[in-house]
Amino acid sequence: MSDKESNDSAVVNADGSPTQSDLRGEMARALARGGMSGVQVISWESAETVLTPKRRELIEMLRETALESVRGLARELERDKSQVSNDLSTLAELGIIQYEQNGNAKAPRLTQDHIVVEPIV
């Protein structure tokens, strides 16, 4: 590994301790080594603000069904399409979902099989 690669991957806090992002990555790798692949670890703060009951319902629907559009997802959930779009945008910012282009429609897909919230302490 070159010095540049070493420096890029060695992001630490001012006191030399690993960053929270590094710790979440290590937790995901440890879970994968233990047999739980496809894991995304999110911060407690993100989970608390982002994973509302409506968004968890949306995630569950995406886990169970491969819908072909945001409109189709909104119809299945019996929710307004613009509200579902806003919720999906929030989940996309966190990397929980991504979109597949499906003709003129965007099909939302989960990026991982499991979402794990980091420990509080």
Protein backbone atom coordinates (compact mmCIF):
# COMPACT_ATOMS: atom_id res chain seq x y z
CA MET A 1 0.00 0.00 0.00
CA SER A 2 1.36 3.44 -0.89
CA ASP A 3 1.76 6.26 1.64
CA LYS A 4 -1.17 8.09 0.03
CA GLU A 5 -3.46 5.05 0.38
CA SER A 6 -2.30 4.61 3.95
CA ASN A 7 -3.05 8.25 4.77
CA ASP A 8 -6.45 8.17 3.07
CA SER A 9 -7.64 5.19 5.10
CA ALA A 10 -6.13 6.34 8.40
CA VAL A 11 -8.59 9.09 9.31
CA VAL A 12 -8.56 9.58 13.05
CA ASN A 13 -9.83 12.06 15.60
CA ALA A 14 -7.50 14.75 16.95
CA ASP A 15 -6.64 12.47 19.90
CA GLY A 16 -5.66 9.64 17.52
CA SER A 17 -8.76 7.53 18.14
CA PRO A 18 -10.76 6.11 15.22
CA THR A 19 -13.66 8.18 13.90
CA GLN A 20 -17.26 7.09 14.46
CA SER A 21 -17.48 6.34 10.74
CA ASP A 22 -14.46 4.03 11.03
CA LEU A 23 -16.01 2.29 14.02
CA ARG A 24 -19.30 1.76 12.13
CA GLY A 25 -17.34 0.29 9.22
CA GLU A 26 -15.46 -2.05 11.54
CA MET A 27 -18.74 -3.13 13.13
CA ALA A 28 -20.17 -3.94 9.69
CA ARG A 29 -17.05 -5.95 8.81
CA ALA A 30 -17.22 -7.83 12.14
CA LEU A 31 -20.88 -8.69 11.53
CA ALA A 32 -19.98 -9.90 8.02
CA ARG A 33 -17.19 -12.09 9.44
CA GLY A 34 -19.78 -13.51 11.83
CA GLY A 35 -22.03 -14.49 8.94
CA MET A 36 -24.34 -11.46 8.62
CA SER A 37 -23.52 -10.11 5.19
CA GLY A 38 -25.13 -7.10 3.55
CA VAL A 39 -25.04 -4.92 6.66
CA GLN A 40 -25.20 -1.15 6.91
CA VAL A 41 -24.44 0.36 10.30
CA ILE A 42 -25.94 3.78 10.95
CA SER A 43 -25.39 6.17 13.82
CA TRP A 44 -27.75 6.36 16.76
CA GLU A 45 -28.50 10.00 15.90
CA SER A 46 -29.40 9.11 12.30
CA ALA A 47 -31.61 6.25 13.41
CA GLU A 48 -33.39 8.42 15.93
CA THR A 49 -34.23 11.15 13.42
CA VAL A 50 -34.48 9.25 10.13
CA LEU A 51 -36.08 5.91 10.97
CA THR A 52 -39.58 7.16 11.68
CA PRO A 53 -42.45 4.65 11.77
CA LYS A 54 -43.55 5.65 8.23
CA ARG A 55 -40.00 5.23 6.88
CA ARG A 56 -39.59 1.89 8.64
CA GLU A 57 -42.84 0.79 7.00
CA LEU A 58 -41.42 1.91 3.66
CA ILE A 59 -38.18 -0.02 4.27
CA GLU A 60 -40.15 -3.13 5.21
CA MET A 61 -42.21 -2.89 2.01
CA LEU A 62 -39.02 -2.57 -0.06
CA ARG A 63 -37.55 -5.58 1.75
CA GLU A 64 -40.59 -7.70 0.93
CA THR A 65 -41.48 -6.49 -2.58
CA ALA A 66 -39.51 -5.31 -5.62
CA LEU A 67 -41.77 -2.48 -6.75
CA GLU A 68 -41.07 -0.86 -10.10
CA SER A 69 -41.64 2.78 -9.21
CA VAL A 70 -42.07 5.34 -6.45
CA ARG A 71 -45.68 5.71 -7.56
CA GLY A 72 -46.22 1.95 -7.15
CA LEU A 73 -44.66 2.05 -3.69
CA ALA A 74 -46.92 4.95 -2.68
CA ARG A 75 -49.95 3.06 -3.98
CA GLU A 76 -49.02 -0.09 -2.01
CA LEU A 77 -48.55 1.95 1.16
CA GLU A 78 -51.69 4.00 0.51
CA ARG A 79 -49.69 7.19 0.93
CA ASP A 80 -49.25 10.37 -1.08
CA LYS A 81 -46.53 9.98 -3.74
CA SER A 82 -44.80 13.26 -2.78
CA GLN A 83 -44.56 12.19 0.88
CA VAL A 84 -43.11 8.82 -0.16
CA SER A 85 -40.65 10.62 -2.49
CA ASN A 86 -39.53 12.87 0.37
CA ASP A 87 -39.04 9.89 2.67
CA LEU A 88 -37.09 8.03 -0.03
CA SER A 89 -34.85 11.07 -0.57
CA THR A 90 -34.03 11.11 3.13
CA LEU A 91 -33.24 7.38 3.09
CA ALA A 92 -31.12 7.83 -0.06
CA GLU A 93 -29.06 10.56 1.64
CA LEU A 94 -28.19 8.05 4.35
CA GLY A 95 -27.40 5.37 1.75
CA ILE A 96 -30.21 3.08 2.84
CA ILE A 97 -31.84 3.07 -0.59
CA GLN A 98 -30.78 3.79 -4.14
CA TYR A 99 -32.74 4.05 -7.36
CA GLU A 100 -32.69 1.79 -10.41
CA GLN A 101 -33.83 3.43 -13.61
CA ASN A 102 -36.81 1.50 -14.96
CA GLY A 103 -37.79 3.22 -18.22
CA ASN A 104 -39.22 6.57 -17.16
CA ALA A 105 -39.71 5.41 -13.57
CA LYS A 106 -37.22 5.18 -10.72
CA ALA A 107 -37.43 1.93 -8.78
CA PRO A 108 -36.28 2.31 -5.15
CA ARG A 109 -34.10 -0.53 -3.85
CA LEU A 110 -32.52 -1.21 -0.47
CA THR A 111 -28.73 -1.06 -0.62
CA GLN A 112 -28.21 -3.72 2.06
CA ASP A 113 -30.06 -6.66 3.56
CA HIS A 114 -29.69 -5.45 7.15
CA ILE A 115 -29.64 -2.06 8.87
CA VAL A 116 -27.96 -2.02 12.25
CA VAL A 117 -27.88 0.92 14.65
CA GLU A 118 -24.55 1.48 16.40
CA PRO A 119 -24.52 0.98 20.15
CA ILE A 120 -25.36 4.02 22.25
CA VAL A 121 -22.23 3.75 24.36
